[in-house]
């Protein structure tokens, strides 16, 4: 591992269950399939995959999984239908000849400049099979999200290392939709995420002013 920071990865590990819950609901509502049935034989790309542990769960469901991360902090080992690559996302996508059925973009977009966001979705649109899904979690852009994600989480509660986030890179659902329309990606769902710092747990919420999930379809 090159630069592993447990303080950074701990909240991401706490989000694994709520990610799965959110995707389960979306797939049930939009595909009519149970999540375990849906992922069988699907080609899955996890961009910003971190340790690879979350992606590994879907390999266990029968998916063919590939994870990309600019940091080499992988914990999961390479095996049949499961591979992790240490590379910058747009560099990988630009040269990728594969097409995917599902893409994970969890806690990733808020670290990209706007030009890189555009480049990411342009590249992704060329690497997707028809009726594919992109699942996203990111930070809304407003004073409340700045207060909770930076002032509270980083500076007061110290749940994350300082300077994990840059408010200028946060992304509102409206801005996300505007960017994605340009590349023929449809935003079909947005759902808020609420964090309980005492229980160290997340739950789905009607309020999307801070963290939110989004689903894109191609």
C-alpha atoms as a PDB file:
ATOM      1  CA  UNK A   1       0.000   0.000   0.000  1.00  0.00           C
ATOM      2  CA  UNK A   2       1.306   3.416  -0.953  1.00  0.00           C
ATOM      3  CA  UNK A   3      -0.674   5.931   1.091  1.00  0.00           C
ATOM      4  CA  UNK A   4      -3.242   4.182   3.267  1.00  0.00           C
ATOM      5  CA  UNK A   5      -5.005   6.426   5.791  1.00  0.00           C
ATOM      6  CA  UNK A   6      -7.468   4.606   8.040  1.00  0.00           C
ATOM      7  CA  UNK A   7      -9.151   7.889   9.066  1.00  0.00           C
ATOM      8  CA  UNK A   8     -10.017   8.557   5.411  1.00  0.00           C
ATOM      9  CA  UNK A   9     -11.238   5.038   4.634  1.00  0.00           C
ATOM     10  CA  UNK A  10     -13.241   4.411   7.821  1.00  0.00           C
ATOM     11  CA  UNK A  11     -16.263   6.558   6.795  1.00  0.00           C
ATOM     12  CA  UNK A  12     -16.210   4.956   3.346  1.00  0.00           C
ATOM     13  CA  UNK A  13     -16.344   1.510   4.933  1.00  0.00           C
ATOM     14  CA  UNK A  14     -19.283   2.660   7.049  1.00  0.00           C
ATOM     15  CA  UNK A  15     -21.102   3.612   3.828  1.00  0.00           C
ATOM     16  CA  UNK A  16     -20.947   0.150   2.286  1.00  0.00           C
ATOM     17  CA  UNK A  17     -24.263  -1.048   3.712  1.00  0.00           C
ATOM     18  CA  UNK A  18     -26.209   2.076   2.678  1.00  0.00           C
ATOM     19  CA  UNK A  19     -24.776   1.913  -0.856  1.00  0.00           C
ATOM     20  CA  UNK A  20     -26.026  -1.643  -1.172  1.00  0.00           C
ATOM     21  CA  UNK A  21     -29.419  -0.694   0.242  1.00  0.00           C
ATOM     22  CA  UNK A  22     -29.770   2.194  -2.194  1.00  0.00           C
ATOM     23  CA  UNK A  23     -28.810   0.128  -5.230  1.00  0.00           C
ATOM     24  CA  UNK A  24     -31.176  -2.657  -4.145  1.00  0.00           C
ATOM     25  CA  UNK A  25     -34.101  -0.247  -4.152  1.00  0.00           C
ATOM     26  CA  UNK A  26     -33.185   1.322  -7.496  1.00  0.00           C
ATOM     27  CA  UNK A  27     -32.735  -2.029  -9.229  1.00  0.00           C
ATOM     28  CA  UNK A  28     -35.969  -3.375  -7.807  1.00  0.00           C
ATOM     29  CA  UNK A  29     -37.860  -0.283  -8.974  1.00  0.00           C
ATOM     30  CA  UNK A  30     -36.207   0.133 -12.391  1.00  0.00           C
ATOM     31  CA  UNK A  31     -35.252  -3.363 -13.501  1.00  0.00           C
ATOM     32  CA  UNK A  32     -37.728  -5.452 -11.517  1.00  0.00           C
ATOM     33  CA  UNK A  33     -34.852  -7.646 -10.329  1.00  0.00           C
ATOM     34  CA  UNK A  34     -33.447  -8.529  -6.951  1.00  0.00           C
ATOM     35  CA  UNK A  35     -29.931  -7.097  -6.606  1.00  0.00           C
ATOM     36  CA  UNK A  36     -28.361 -10.568  -6.288  1.00  0.00           C
ATOM     37  CA  UNK A  37     -30.067 -11.727  -9.461  1.00  0.00           C
ATOM     38  CA  UNK A  38     -29.224  -8.499 -11.290  1.00  0.00           C
ATOM     39  CA  UNK A  39     -25.466  -8.609 -10.704  1.00  0.00           C
ATOM     40  CA  UNK A  40     -24.955 -12.146 -12.043  1.00  0.00           C
ATOM     41  CA  UNK A  41     -22.615 -11.970 -15.056  1.00  0.00           C
ATOM     42  CA  UNK A  42     -22.718  -8.161 -15.129  1.00  0.00           C
ATOM     43  CA  UNK A  43     -19.541  -6.277 -16.050  1.00  0.00           C
ATOM     44  CA  UNK A  44     -18.893  -3.820 -13.215  1.00  0.00           C
ATOM     45  CA  UNK A  45     -16.421  -0.927 -13.070  1.00  0.00           C
ATOM     46  CA  UNK A  46     -15.672   0.786  -9.748  1.00  0.00           C
ATOM     47  CA  UNK A  47     -13.935   4.143 -10.272  1.00  0.00           C
ATOM     48  CA  UNK A  48     -12.200   5.359  -7.138  1.00  0.00           C
ATOM     49  CA  UNK A  49     -12.539   1.880  -5.674  1.00  0.00           C
ATOM     50  CA  UNK A  50     -10.358   2.560  -2.609  1.00  0.00           C
ATOM     51  CA  UNK A  51      -9.345  -0.695  -0.962  1.00  0.00           C
ATOM     52  CA  UNK A  52     -11.461  -2.763  -3.391  1.00  0.00           C
ATOM     53  CA  UNK A  53     -13.403  -4.397  -0.570  1.00  0.00           C
ATOM     54  CA  UNK A  54     -16.792  -2.982  -1.565  1.00  0.00           C
ATOM     55  CA  UNK A  55     -16.385  -4.099  -5.179  1.00  0.00           C
ATOM     56  CA  UNK A  56     -15.316  -7.553  -4.017  1.00  0.00           C
ATOM     57  CA  UNK A  57     -18.834  -8.134  -2.649  1.00  0.00           C
ATOM     58  CA  UNK A  58     -20.290  -7.997  -6.159  1.00  0.00           C
ATOM     59  CA  UNK A  59     -17.725 -10.405  -7.533  1.00  0.00           C
ATOM     60  CA  UNK A  60     -19.152 -12.750  -4.916  1.00  0.00           C
ATOM     61  CA  UNK A  61     -22.565 -12.289  -6.545  1.00  0.00           C
ATOM     62  CA  UNK A  62     -21.242 -13.455  -9.892  1.00  0.00           C
ATOM     63  CA  UNK A  63     -20.265 -10.138 -11.487  1.00  0.00           C
ATOM     64  CA  UNK A  64     -17.089  -9.540 -13.479  1.00  0.00           C
ATOM     65  CA  UNK A  65     -15.450  -6.721 -11.544  1.00  0.00           C
ATOM     66  CA  UNK A  66     -12.748  -4.185 -12.337  1.00  0.00           C
ATOM     67  CA  UNK A  67     -11.661  -1.467  -9.913  1.00  0.00           C
ATOM     68  CA  UNK A  68      -9.619   1.664 -10.667  1.00  0.00           C
ATOM     69  CA  UNK A  69      -7.952   3.963  -8.157  1.00  0.00           C
ATOM     70  CA  UNK A  70      -5.171   6.514  -8.359  1.00  0.00           C
ATOM     71  CA  UNK A  71      -3.925   5.354  -4.925  1.00  0.00           C
ATOM     72  CA  UNK A  72      -2.520   1.866  -4.486  1.00  0.00           C
ATOM     73  CA  UNK A  73      -4.285   1.021  -1.231  1.00  0.00           C
ATOM     74  CA  UNK A  74      -5.844  -2.240  -2.344  1.00  0.00           C
ATOM     75  CA  UNK A  75      -6.669  -4.837   0.274  1.00  0.00           C
ATOM     76  CA  UNK A  76      -8.535  -7.351  -1.884  1.00  0.00           C
ATOM     77  CA  UNK A  77      -6.497  -9.770  -3.973  1.00  0.00           C
ATOM     78  CA  UNK A  78      -6.772 -10.340  -7.702  1.00  0.00           C
ATOM     79  CA  UNK A  79      -8.744 -13.450  -8.642  1.00  0.00           C
ATOM     80  CA  UNK A  80     -10.976 -14.758 -11.398  1.00  0.00           C
ATOM     81  CA  UNK A  81     -13.386 -12.015 -12.527  1.00  0.00           C
ATOM     82  CA  UNK A  82     -11.860  -9.518 -10.092  1.00  0.00           C
ATOM     83  CA  UNK A  83      -9.038  -7.112 -10.907  1.00  0.00           C
ATOM     84  CA  UNK A  84      -7.809  -3.822  -9.411  1.00  0.00           C
ATOM     85  CA  UNK A  85      -5.712  -1.306 -11.368  1.00  0.00           C
ATOM     86  CA  UNK A  86      -3.667   1.560  -9.949  1.00  0.00           C
ATOM     87  CA  UNK A  87      -4.329   4.311 -12.516  1.00  0.00           C
ATOM     88  CA  UNK A  88      -5.958   7.720 -12.979  1.00  0.00           C
ATOM     89  CA  UNK A  89      -9.573   7.251 -14.075  1.00  0.00           C
ATOM     90  CA  UNK A  90      -9.678   9.281 -17.290  1.00  0.00           C
ATOM     91  CA  UNK A  91      -6.367   7.842 -18.447  1.00  0.00           C
ATOM     92  CA  UNK A  92      -7.800   4.350 -17.999  1.00  0.00           C
ATOM     93  CA  UNK A  93     -11.120   5.121 -19.693  1.00  0.00           C
ATOM     94  CA  UNK A  94      -9.503   6.852 -22.661  1.00  0.00           C
ATOM     95  CA  UNK A  95      -7.673   3.641 -23.570  1.00  0.00           C
ATOM     96  CA  UNK A  96     -10.285   1.148 -22.390  1.00  0.00           C
ATOM     97  CA  UNK A  97     -11.839  -1.129 -25.036  1.00  0.00           C
ATOM     98  CA  UNK A  98     -14.295  -2.802 -22.659  1.00  0.00           C
ATOM     99  CA  UNK A  99     -17.932  -1.919 -22.080  1.00  0.00           C
ATOM    100  CA  UNK A 100     -19.642  -2.117 -18.709  1.00  0.00           C
ATOM    101  CA  UNK A 101     -23.157  -2.746 -17.404  1.00  0.00           C
ATOM    102  CA  UNK A 102     -22.681  -1.022 -14.034  1.00  0.00           C
ATOM    103  CA  UNK A 103     -20.338   1.749 -12.905  1.00  0.00           C
ATOM    104  CA  UNK A 104     -19.750   2.812  -9.295  1.00  0.00           C
ATOM    105  CA  UNK A 105     -18.748   6.441  -8.679  1.00  0.00           C
ATOM    106  CA  UNK A 106     -18.961   6.546  -4.905  1.00  0.00           C
ATOM    107  CA  UNK A 107     -17.392   9.536  -3.106  1.00  0.00           C
ATOM    108  CA  UNK A 108     -15.370  10.383  -6.193  1.00  0.00           C
ATOM    109  CA  UNK A 109     -16.831  13.295  -8.160  1.00  0.00           C
ATOM    110  CA  UNK A 110     -16.237  15.827  -5.375  1.00  0.00           C
ATOM    111  CA  UNK A 111     -12.497  15.399  -5.924  1.00  0.00           C
ATOM    112  CA  UNK A 112     -12.525  16.329  -9.632  1.00  0.00           C
ATOM    113  CA  UNK A 113     -12.240  19.713 -11.324  1.00  0.00           C
ATOM    114  CA  UNK A 114     -15.215  20.526 -13.564  1.00  0.00           C
ATOM    115  CA  UNK A 115     -13.246  19.859 -16.752  1.00  0.00           C
ATOM    116  CA  UNK A 116     -12.266  16.446 -15.429  1.00  0.00           C
ATOM    117  CA  UNK A 117     -15.905  15.711 -14.551  1.00  0.00           C
ATOM    118  CA  UNK A 118     -16.907  16.444 -18.144  1.00  0.00           C
ATOM    119  CA  UNK A 119     -14.057  14.305 -19.445  1.00  0.00           C
ATOM    120  CA  UNK A 120     -15.054  11.453 -17.135  1.00  0.00           C
ATOM    121  CA  UNK A 121     -18.668  11.319 -18.335  1.00  0.00           C
ATOM    122  CA  UNK A 122     -17.657  11.743 -21.965  1.00  0.00           C
ATOM    123  CA  UNK A 123     -15.267   8.810 -21.621  1.00  0.00           C
ATOM    124  CA  UNK A 124     -17.801   6.734 -19.695  1.00  0.00           C
ATOM    125  CA  UNK A 125     -20.470   7.228 -22.356  1.00  0.00           C
ATOM    126  CA  UNK A 126     -18.179   5.377 -24.781  1.00  0.00           C
ATOM    127  CA  UNK A 127     -17.620   2.505 -22.362  1.00  0.00           C
ATOM    128  CA  UNK A 128     -21.190   1.601 -21.456  1.00  0.00           C
ATOM    129  CA  UNK A 129     -23.534  -1.081 -22.690  1.00  0.00           C
ATOM    130  CA  UNK A 130     -27.127  -0.111 -23.416  1.00  0.00           C
ATOM    131  CA  UNK A 131     -29.395   0.128 -20.336  1.00  0.00           C
ATOM    132  CA  UNK A 132     -26.381   0.363 -18.046  1.00  0.00           C
ATOM    133  CA  UNK A 133     -26.448   2.022 -14.634  1.00  0.00           C
ATOM    134  CA  UNK A 134     -24.061   4.493 -13.017  1.00  0.00           C
ATOM    135  CA  UNK A 135     -24.430   4.721  -9.243  1.00  0.00           C
ATOM    136  CA  UNK A 136     -23.083   7.859  -7.611  1.00  0.00           C
ATOM    137  CA  UNK A 137     -22.629   9.283  -4.145  1.00  0.00           C
ATOM    138  CA  UNK A 138     -21.201  12.757  -3.706  1.00  0.00           C
ATOM    139  CA  UNK A 139     -21.602  16.086  -1.910  1.00  0.00           C
ATOM    140  CA  UNK A 140     -24.138  18.750  -2.802  1.00  0.00           C
ATOM    141  CA  UNK A 141     -22.841  22.293  -3.247  1.00  0.00           C
ATOM    142  CA  UNK A 142     -24.244  24.814  -0.789  1.00  0.00           C
ATOM    143  CA  UNK A 143     -23.295  26.440   2.507  1.00  0.00           C
ATOM    144  CA  UNK A 144     -24.861  23.606   4.513  1.00  0.00           C
ATOM    145  CA  UNK A 145     -22.773  20.925   2.779  1.00  0.00           C
ATOM    146  CA  UNK A 146     -19.637  23.013   3.315  1.00  0.00           C
ATOM    147  CA  UNK A 147     -20.480  23.379   6.990  1.00  0.00           C
ATOM    148  CA  UNK A 148     -21.104  19.678   7.618  1.00  0.00           C
ATOM    149  CA  UNK A 149     -18.502  18.126   5.287  1.00  0.00           C
ATOM    150  CA  UNK A 150     -15.623  20.481   6.014  1.00  0.00           C
ATOM    151  CA  UNK A 151     -16.237  22.591   9.135  1.00  0.00           C
ATOM    152  CA  UNK A 152     -17.829  19.786  11.183  1.00  0.00           C
ATOM    153  CA  UNK A 153     -16.484  16.494   9.732  1.00  0.00           C
ATOM    154  CA  UNK A 154     -12.914  17.634   9.095  1.00  0.00           C
ATOM    155  CA  UNK A 155     -12.214  20.482  11.502  1.00  0.00           C
ATOM    156  CA  UNK A 156     -14.364  19.801  14.572  1.00  0.00           C
ATOM    157  CA  UNK A 157     -15.208  16.072  14.799  1.00  0.00           C
ATOM    158  CA  UNK A 158     -12.069  15.117  12.841  1.00  0.00           C
ATOM    159  CA  UNK A 159     -13.923  12.275  11.121  1.00  0.00           C
ATOM    160  CA  UNK A 160     -11.779  12.921   8.049  1.00  0.00           C
ATOM    161  CA  UNK A 161      -8.270  14.283   7.543  1.00  0.00           C
ATOM    162  CA  UNK A 162      -8.145  18.038   6.986  1.00  0.00           C
ATOM    163  CA  UNK A 163      -8.307  19.160   3.342  1.00  0.00           C
ATOM    164  CA  UNK A 164     -10.003  15.935   2.267  1.00  0.00           C
ATOM    165  CA  UNK A 165     -12.558  18.114   0.493  1.00  0.00           C
ATOM    166  CA  UNK A 166     -12.490  21.303  -1.569  1.00  0.00           C
ATOM    167  CA  UNK A 167     -15.844  23.093  -1.545  1.00  0.00           C
ATOM    168  CA  UNK A 168     -15.236  24.451  -5.046  1.00  0.00           C
ATOM    169  CA  UNK A 169     -15.420  20.888  -6.398  1.00  0.00           C
ATOM    170  CA  UNK A 170     -18.749  19.965  -4.764  1.00  0.00           C
ATOM    171  CA  UNK A 171     -21.543  19.102  -7.189  1.00  0.00           C
ATOM    172  CA  UNK A 172     -25.259  19.856  -6.947  1.00  0.00           C
ATOM    173  CA  UNK A 173     -27.781  17.396  -8.453  1.00  0.00           C
ATOM    174  CA  UNK A 174     -28.826  20.080 -10.962  1.00  0.00           C
ATOM    175  CA  UNK A 175     -25.240  20.554 -12.105  1.00  0.00           C
ATOM    176  CA  UNK A 176     -24.749  16.797 -12.283  1.00  0.00           C
ATOM    177  CA  UNK A 177     -27.827  16.485 -14.488  1.00  0.00           C
ATOM    178  CA  UNK A 178     -26.674  19.315 -16.759  1.00  0.00           C
ATOM    179  CA  UNK A 179     -23.268  17.720 -17.309  1.00  0.00           C
ATOM    180  CA  UNK A 180     -24.652  14.227 -17.873  1.00  0.00           C
ATOM    181  CA  UNK A 181     -27.307  15.262 -20.398  1.00  0.00           C
ATOM    182  CA  UNK A 182     -24.492  16.452 -22.629  1.00  0.00           C
ATOM    183  CA  UNK A 183     -23.258  12.852 -22.846  1.00  0.00           C
ATOM    184  CA  UNK A 184     -26.672  11.144 -23.215  1.00  0.00           C
ATOM    185  CA  UNK A 185     -26.819  10.026 -19.592  1.00  0.00           C
ATOM    186  CA  UNK A 186     -30.153  10.381 -17.780  1.00  0.00           C
ATOM    187  CA  UNK A 187     -30.363  11.184 -14.080  1.00  0.00           C
ATOM    188  CA  UNK A 188     -33.264   8.994 -12.951  1.00  0.00           C
ATOM    189  CA  UNK A 189     -32.992   9.252  -9.185  1.00  0.00           C
ATOM    190  CA  UNK A 190     -31.525  11.404  -6.401  1.00  0.00           C
ATOM    191  CA  UNK A 191     -31.717  10.407  -2.738  1.00  0.00           C
ATOM    192  CA  UNK A 192     -30.267  12.102   0.325  1.00  0.00           C
ATOM    193  CA  UNK A 193     -27.910  10.462   2.817  1.00  0.00           C
ATOM    194  CA  UNK A 194     -27.966  11.226   6.537  1.00  0.00           C
ATOM    195  CA  UNK A 195     -25.051  10.473   8.878  1.00  0.00           C
ATOM    196  CA  UNK A 196     -25.280   9.784  12.608  1.00  0.00           C
ATOM    197  CA  UNK A 197     -21.838  10.569  14.137  1.00  0.00           C
ATOM    198  CA  UNK A 198     -22.734   8.895  17.452  1.00  0.00           C
ATOM    199  CA  UNK A 199     -23.751   5.566  15.901  1.00  0.00           C
ATOM    200  CA  UNK A 200     -21.296   6.048  13.013  1.00  0.00           C
ATOM    201  CA  UNK A 201     -23.955   4.962  10.558  1.00  0.00           C
ATOM    202  CA  UNK A 202     -25.722   6.245   7.457  1.00  0.00           C
ATOM    203  CA  UNK A 203     -29.347   6.086   6.368  1.00  0.00           C
ATOM    204  CA  UNK A 204     -31.336   7.209   3.343  1.00  0.00           C
ATOM    205  CA  UNK A 205     -33.071  10.546   3.686  1.00  0.00           C
ATOM    206  CA  UNK A 206     -35.500  12.799   1.818  1.00  0.00           C
ATOM    207  CA  UNK A 207     -33.023  15.638   2.394  1.00  0.00           C
ATOM    208  CA  UNK A 208     -30.227  15.768  -0.187  1.00  0.00           C
ATOM    209  CA  UNK A 209     -28.621  19.062   0.865  1.00  0.00           C
ATOM    210  CA  UNK A 210     -25.380  17.468   2.101  1.00  0.00           C
ATOM    211  CA  UNK A 211     -24.566  13.945   0.846  1.00  0.00           C
ATOM    212  CA  UNK A 212     -26.683  12.322  -1.829  1.00  0.00           C
ATOM    213  CA  UNK A 213     -26.915   9.251  -4.029  1.00  0.00           C
ATOM    214  CA  UNK A 214     -27.708   9.521  -7.720  1.00  0.00           C
ATOM    215  CA  UNK A 215     -28.504   7.002 -10.449  1.00  0.00           C
ATOM    216  CA  UNK A 216     -27.739   7.550 -14.121  1.00  0.00           C
ATOM    217  CA  UNK A 217     -28.971   5.348 -16.957  1.00  0.00           C
ATOM    218  CA  UNK A 218     -27.525   5.101 -20.424  1.00  0.00           C
END
